[in-house]
Amino acid sequence: MKKVVMMSGLAILLMASCKKNETPPPTPPPVENPAPPVTPEPQTPVTPVKTTTTTTTTTQEKDPDGTSISVNGDGVSFKKKNGEKVNDVTVSKKKTEVTIQTTE
């Protein structure tokens, strides 16, 4: 008997909770300042224009400024250049070398 009463109470709760609300969501207010329409660009006749091509070349430095790191199976090489200052560190199985050059 208790099970029947509990099941009927649960059924009534489920029916009451699944009841749909009849009120529709409120409509948003109209936009006050809509964007102006896009104006078309004026059409102008296209006339052919003679063009000339100019090629300029620039030379790069042999060793540009910056830092480079090389890692391979033999070892590690670290090089840093800033203007005239050069730091070079090489560590490998066969040799260990540190070179610091500064020209002022």
N, C-alpha and C. Protein backbone atom coordinates (compact mmCIF):
# COMPACT_ATOMS: atom_id res chain seq x y z
N MET A 1 0.82 -1.19 0.00
CA MET A 1 0.00 0.00 0.00
C MET A 1 0.87 1.26 0.00
N LYS A 2 1.94 1.24 0.81
CA LYS A 2 2.81 2.39 0.87
C LYS A 2 3.46 2.65 -0.48
N LYS A 3 3.80 1.56 -1.19
CA LYS A 3 4.44 1.72 -2.49
C LYS A 3 3.49 2.37 -3.48
N VAL A 4 2.23 2.02 -3.45
CA VAL A 4 1.25 2.58 -4.37
C VAL A 4 1.07 4.07 -4.10
N VAL A 5 1.00 4.46 -2.85
CA VAL A 5 0.84 5.86 -2.48
C VAL A 5 2.07 6.65 -2.89
N MET A 6 3.24 6.10 -2.66
CA MET A 6 4.47 6.79 -3.04
C MET A 6 4.59 6.94 -4.56
N MET A 7 4.22 5.90 -5.28
CA MET A 7 4.30 5.95 -6.73
C MET A 7 3.29 6.95 -7.30
N SER A 8 2.12 7.01 -6.76
CA SER A 8 1.12 7.97 -7.25
C SER A 8 1.54 9.40 -6.92
N GLY A 9 2.13 9.60 -5.74
CA GLY A 9 2.63 10.93 -5.39
C GLY A 9 3.75 11.37 -6.32
N LEU A 10 4.63 10.45 -6.64
CA LEU A 10 5.72 10.74 -7.56
C LEU A 10 5.18 11.05 -8.94
N ALA A 11 4.17 10.31 -9.40
CA ALA A 11 3.56 10.56 -10.71
C ALA A 11 2.92 11.93 -10.75
N ILE A 12 2.25 12.35 -9.68
CA ILE A 12 1.62 13.67 -9.63
C ILE A 12 2.68 14.76 -9.67
N LEU A 13 3.78 14.58 -8.95
CA LEU A 13 4.86 15.56 -8.98
C LEU A 13 5.48 15.68 -10.37
N LEU A 14 5.68 14.55 -11.04
CA LEU A 14 6.24 14.58 -12.38
C LEU A 14 5.31 15.29 -13.36
N MET A 15 4.02 15.05 -13.24
CA MET A 15 3.06 15.71 -14.13
C MET A 15 3.03 17.22 -13.88
N ALA A 16 3.12 17.61 -12.64
CA ALA A 16 3.08 19.03 -12.31
C ALA A 16 4.36 19.72 -12.77
N SER A 17 5.51 19.04 -12.69
CA SER A 17 6.76 19.69 -13.07
C SER A 17 6.95 19.75 -14.58
N CYS A 18 6.28 18.91 -15.33
CA CYS A 18 6.41 18.90 -16.78
C CYS A 18 5.39 19.80 -17.47
N LYS A 19 4.59 20.49 -16.73
CA LYS A 19 3.58 21.36 -17.31
C LYS A 19 4.28 22.52 -18.03
N LYS A 20 3.87 22.77 -19.29
CA LYS A 20 4.49 23.82 -20.09
C LYS A 20 3.94 25.18 -19.69
N ASN A 21 4.81 26.18 -19.74
CA ASN A 21 4.39 27.55 -19.50
C ASN A 21 3.83 28.10 -20.80
N GLU A 22 2.69 28.73 -20.73
CA GLU A 22 2.02 29.25 -21.91
C GLU A 22 2.48 30.65 -22.30
N THR A 23 3.24 31.33 -21.47
CA THR A 23 3.63 32.70 -21.77
C THR A 23 4.85 32.70 -22.69
N PRO A 24 4.79 33.41 -23.82
CA PRO A 24 5.95 33.48 -24.73
C PRO A 24 7.01 34.42 -24.16
N PRO A 25 8.22 34.27 -24.58
CA PRO A 25 9.27 35.17 -24.08
C PRO A 25 9.02 36.59 -24.56
N PRO A 26 9.42 37.59 -23.80
CA PRO A 26 9.17 38.98 -24.20
C PRO A 26 9.96 39.33 -25.46
N THR A 27 9.40 40.18 -26.31
CA THR A 27 10.08 40.60 -27.53
C THR A 27 11.06 41.71 -27.20
N PRO A 28 12.22 41.71 -27.83
CA PRO A 28 13.20 42.76 -27.54
C PRO A 28 12.73 44.10 -28.12
N PRO A 29 13.16 45.20 -27.54
CA PRO A 29 12.75 46.52 -28.05
C PRO A 29 13.39 46.77 -29.42
N PRO A 30 12.76 47.60 -30.25
CA PRO A 30 13.31 47.87 -31.58
C PRO A 30 14.62 48.66 -31.47
N VAL A 31 15.44 48.51 -32.49
CA VAL A 31 16.73 49.20 -32.54
C VAL A 31 16.48 50.67 -32.83
N GLU A 32 17.12 51.54 -32.04
CA GLU A 32 16.87 52.97 -32.21
C GLU A 32 17.61 53.57 -33.40
N ASN A 33 18.90 53.25 -33.56
CA ASN A 33 19.70 53.82 -34.65
C ASN A 33 20.27 52.69 -35.50
N PRO A 34 19.54 52.23 -36.51
CA PRO A 34 20.10 51.17 -37.34
C PRO A 34 21.24 51.72 -38.19
N ALA A 35 22.09 50.85 -38.67
CA ALA A 35 23.23 51.26 -39.49
C ALA A 35 22.72 51.79 -40.83
N PRO A 36 23.36 52.85 -41.35
CA PRO A 36 22.91 53.39 -42.63
C PRO A 36 23.21 52.40 -43.75
N PRO A 37 22.46 52.45 -44.83
CA PRO A 37 22.70 51.53 -45.93
C PRO A 37 24.04 51.82 -46.59
N VAL A 38 24.63 50.80 -47.16
CA VAL A 38 25.93 50.93 -47.80
C VAL A 38 25.76 51.65 -49.13
N THR A 39 26.58 52.69 -49.35
CA THR A 39 26.50 53.42 -50.61
C THR A 39 27.46 52.79 -51.61
N PRO A 40 27.04 52.63 -52.83
CA PRO A 40 27.93 52.03 -53.82
C PRO A 40 29.03 53.02 -54.21
N GLU A 41 30.20 52.47 -54.54
CA GLU A 41 31.31 53.31 -54.96
C GLU A 41 31.09 53.76 -56.40
N PRO A 42 31.52 54.97 -56.74
CA PRO A 42 31.31 55.45 -58.10
C PRO A 42 32.16 54.65 -59.09
N GLN A 43 31.59 54.43 -60.25
CA GLN A 43 32.26 53.69 -61.30
C GLN A 43 33.07 54.67 -62.15
N THR A 44 34.36 54.44 -62.29
CA THR A 44 35.20 55.28 -63.14
C THR A 44 35.83 54.40 -64.20
N PRO A 45 36.00 54.92 -65.40
CA PRO A 45 36.62 54.11 -66.45
C PRO A 45 38.10 53.88 -66.14
N VAL A 46 38.56 52.71 -66.45
CA VAL A 46 39.94 52.33 -66.18
C VAL A 46 40.76 52.55 -67.44
N THR A 47 41.85 53.32 -67.30
CA THR A 47 42.73 53.55 -68.44
C THR A 47 44.04 52.81 -68.18
N PRO A 48 44.61 52.19 -69.21
CA PRO A 48 45.86 51.47 -69.00
C PRO A 48 46.99 52.43 -68.65
N VAL A 49 47.82 52.03 -67.71
CA VAL A 49 48.91 52.85 -67.24
C VAL A 49 50.21 52.08 -67.48
N LYS A 50 51.21 52.77 -68.02
CA LYS A 50 52.50 52.13 -68.22
C LYS A 50 53.20 52.03 -66.87
N THR A 51 53.72 50.87 -66.60
CA THR A 51 54.42 50.67 -65.34
C THR A 51 55.85 50.24 -65.63
N THR A 52 56.74 50.65 -64.77
CA THR A 52 58.12 50.20 -64.87
C THR A 52 58.47 49.47 -63.60
N THR A 53 59.30 48.47 -63.74
CA THR A 53 59.69 47.68 -62.59
C THR A 53 61.12 48.01 -62.22
N THR A 54 61.32 48.34 -60.97
CA THR A 54 62.65 48.65 -60.47
C THR A 54 63.02 47.59 -59.44
N THR A 55 64.19 47.01 -59.61
CA THR A 55 64.65 45.99 -58.68
C THR A 55 65.83 46.53 -57.90
N THR A 56 65.71 46.45 -56.57
CA THR A 56 66.82 46.88 -55.73
C THR A 56 67.34 45.67 -54.98
N THR A 57 68.64 45.62 -54.81
CA THR A 57 69.23 44.51 -54.08
C THR A 57 69.95 45.07 -52.87
N THR A 58 69.89 44.31 -51.79
CA THR A 58 70.60 44.69 -50.59
C THR A 58 71.54 43.56 -50.21
N THR A 59 72.64 43.91 -49.65
CA THR A 59 73.59 42.88 -49.22
C THR A 59 73.40 42.62 -47.75
N GLN A 60 73.40 41.36 -47.40
CA GLN A 60 73.27 40.99 -46.00
C GLN A 60 74.66 40.77 -45.42
N GLU A 61 74.73 40.96 -44.12
CA GLU A 61 75.98 40.69 -43.44
C GLU A 61 76.27 39.20 -43.53
N LYS A 62 77.55 38.85 -43.53
CA LYS A 62 77.91 37.46 -43.59
C LYS A 62 77.39 36.73 -42.35
N ASP A 63 77.59 37.30 -41.19
CA ASP A 63 77.09 36.75 -39.94
C ASP A 63 76.21 37.82 -39.28
N PRO A 64 74.88 37.75 -39.44
CA PRO A 64 74.02 38.77 -38.84
C PRO A 64 74.04 38.67 -37.32
N ASP A 65 73.67 39.76 -36.66
CA ASP A 65 73.61 39.77 -35.20
C ASP A 65 72.55 38.79 -34.73
N GLY A 66 72.78 38.22 -33.57
CA GLY A 66 71.79 37.32 -32.99
C GLY A 66 72.47 36.17 -32.27
N THR A 67 71.67 35.18 -31.91
CA THR A 67 72.13 34.02 -31.17
C THR A 67 71.74 32.77 -31.93
N SER A 68 72.66 31.80 -32.00
CA SER A 68 72.33 30.53 -32.63
C SER A 68 72.86 29.40 -31.75
N ILE A 69 72.09 28.34 -31.67
CA ILE A 69 72.45 27.17 -30.90
C ILE A 69 72.33 25.96 -31.82
N SER A 70 73.38 25.13 -31.86
CA SER A 70 73.37 23.91 -32.67
C SER A 70 73.61 22.73 -31.75
N VAL A 71 72.75 21.73 -31.84
CA VAL A 71 72.90 20.52 -31.04
C VAL A 71 72.87 19.35 -32.01
N ASN A 72 73.88 18.47 -31.95
CA ASN A 72 73.88 17.27 -32.77
C ASN A 72 74.48 16.13 -31.95
N GLY A 73 74.72 15.01 -32.59
CA GLY A 73 75.22 13.84 -31.89
C GLY A 73 76.60 14.02 -31.31
N ASP A 74 77.40 14.92 -31.89
CA ASP A 74 78.76 15.13 -31.40
C ASP A 74 78.82 16.07 -30.21
N GLY A 75 77.91 17.06 -30.13
CA GLY A 75 77.97 18.01 -29.03
C GLY A 75 77.07 19.21 -29.24
N VAL A 76 77.43 20.33 -28.59
CA VAL A 76 76.63 21.55 -28.60
C VAL A 76 77.50 22.71 -29.03
N SER A 77 76.93 23.64 -29.84
CA SER A 77 77.64 24.85 -30.25
C SER A 77 76.72 26.03 -29.99
N PHE A 78 77.24 27.04 -29.29
CA PHE A 78 76.48 28.24 -28.93
C PHE A 78 77.23 29.44 -29.46
N LYS A 79 76.58 30.24 -30.34
CA LYS A 79 77.22 31.42 -30.92
C LYS A 79 76.32 32.63 -30.70
N LYS A 80 76.94 33.76 -30.31
CA LYS A 80 76.20 34.99 -30.08
C LYS A 80 77.00 36.13 -30.68
N LYS A 81 76.32 36.99 -31.47
CA LYS A 81 76.99 38.13 -32.07
C LYS A 81 76.15 39.37 -31.82
N ASN A 82 76.81 40.44 -31.35
CA ASN A 82 76.16 41.71 -31.11
C ASN A 82 77.12 42.79 -31.61
N GLY A 83 76.94 43.22 -32.85
CA GLY A 83 77.84 44.19 -33.45
C GLY A 83 79.21 43.57 -33.66
N GLU A 84 80.22 44.12 -33.02
CA GLU A 84 81.59 43.62 -33.15
C GLU A 84 81.92 42.56 -32.09
N LYS A 85 81.04 42.34 -31.13
CA LYS A 85 81.30 41.39 -30.06
C LYS A 85 80.81 40.00 -30.49
N VAL A 86 81.69 39.00 -30.39
CA VAL A 86 81.36 37.65 -30.79
C VAL A 86 81.71 36.70 -29.66
N ASN A 87 80.77 35.85 -29.27
CA ASN A 87 81.01 34.79 -28.28
C ASN A 87 80.71 33.46 -28.95
N ASP A 88 81.63 32.50 -28.83
CA ASP A 88 81.47 31.21 -29.47
C ASP A 88 81.90 30.14 -28.46
N VAL A 89 80.98 29.24 -28.12
CA VAL A 89 81.27 28.15 -27.19
C VAL A 89 80.93 26.85 -27.89
N THR A 90 81.89 25.93 -27.95
CA THR A 90 81.68 24.63 -28.58
C THR A 90 82.09 23.54 -27.59
N VAL A 91 81.17 22.61 -27.32
CA VAL A 91 81.45 21.48 -26.44
C VAL A 91 81.07 20.23 -27.20
N SER A 92 82.05 19.32 -27.38
CA SER A 92 81.77 18.06 -28.07
C SER A 92 82.59 16.95 -27.44
N LYS A 93 82.42 15.75 -27.96
CA LYS A 93 83.18 14.61 -27.44
C LYS A 93 84.66 14.74 -27.76
N LYS A 94 84.97 15.36 -28.90
CA LYS A 94 86.35 15.43 -29.35
C LYS A 94 87.07 16.70 -28.88
N LYS A 95 86.35 17.82 -28.74
CA LYS A 95 87.02 19.06 -28.36
C LYS A 95 86.11 19.94 -27.51
N THR A 96 86.73 20.78 -26.70
CA THR A 96 86.03 21.79 -25.93
C THR A 96 86.72 23.10 -26.22
N GLU A 97 85.93 24.10 -26.70
CA GLU A 97 86.53 25.35 -27.16
C GLU A 97 85.64 26.51 -26.75
N VAL A 98 86.27 27.59 -26.26
CA VAL A 98 85.57 28.83 -25.93
C VAL A 98 86.32 29.96 -26.61
N THR A 99 85.60 30.77 -27.42
CA THR A 99 86.19 31.90 -28.12
C THR A 99 85.36 33.14 -27.82
N ILE A 100 86.01 34.21 -27.33
CA ILE A 100 85.33 35.48 -27.08
C ILE A 100 86.12 36.56 -27.80
N GLN A 101 85.50 37.23 -28.77
CA GLN A 101 86.16 38.29 -29.53
C GLN A 101 85.42 39.59 -29.30
N THR A 102 86.15 40.63 -28.95
CA THR A 102 85.55 41.95 -28.76
C THR A 102 86.45 42.96 -29.47
N THR A 103 85.87 43.70 -30.42
CA THR A 103 86.62 44.73 -31.14
C THR A 103 85.95 46.05 -30.86
N GLU A 104 86.67 46.98 -30.31
CA GLU A 104 86.09 48.28 -30.01
C GLU A 104 86.85 49.38 -30.67
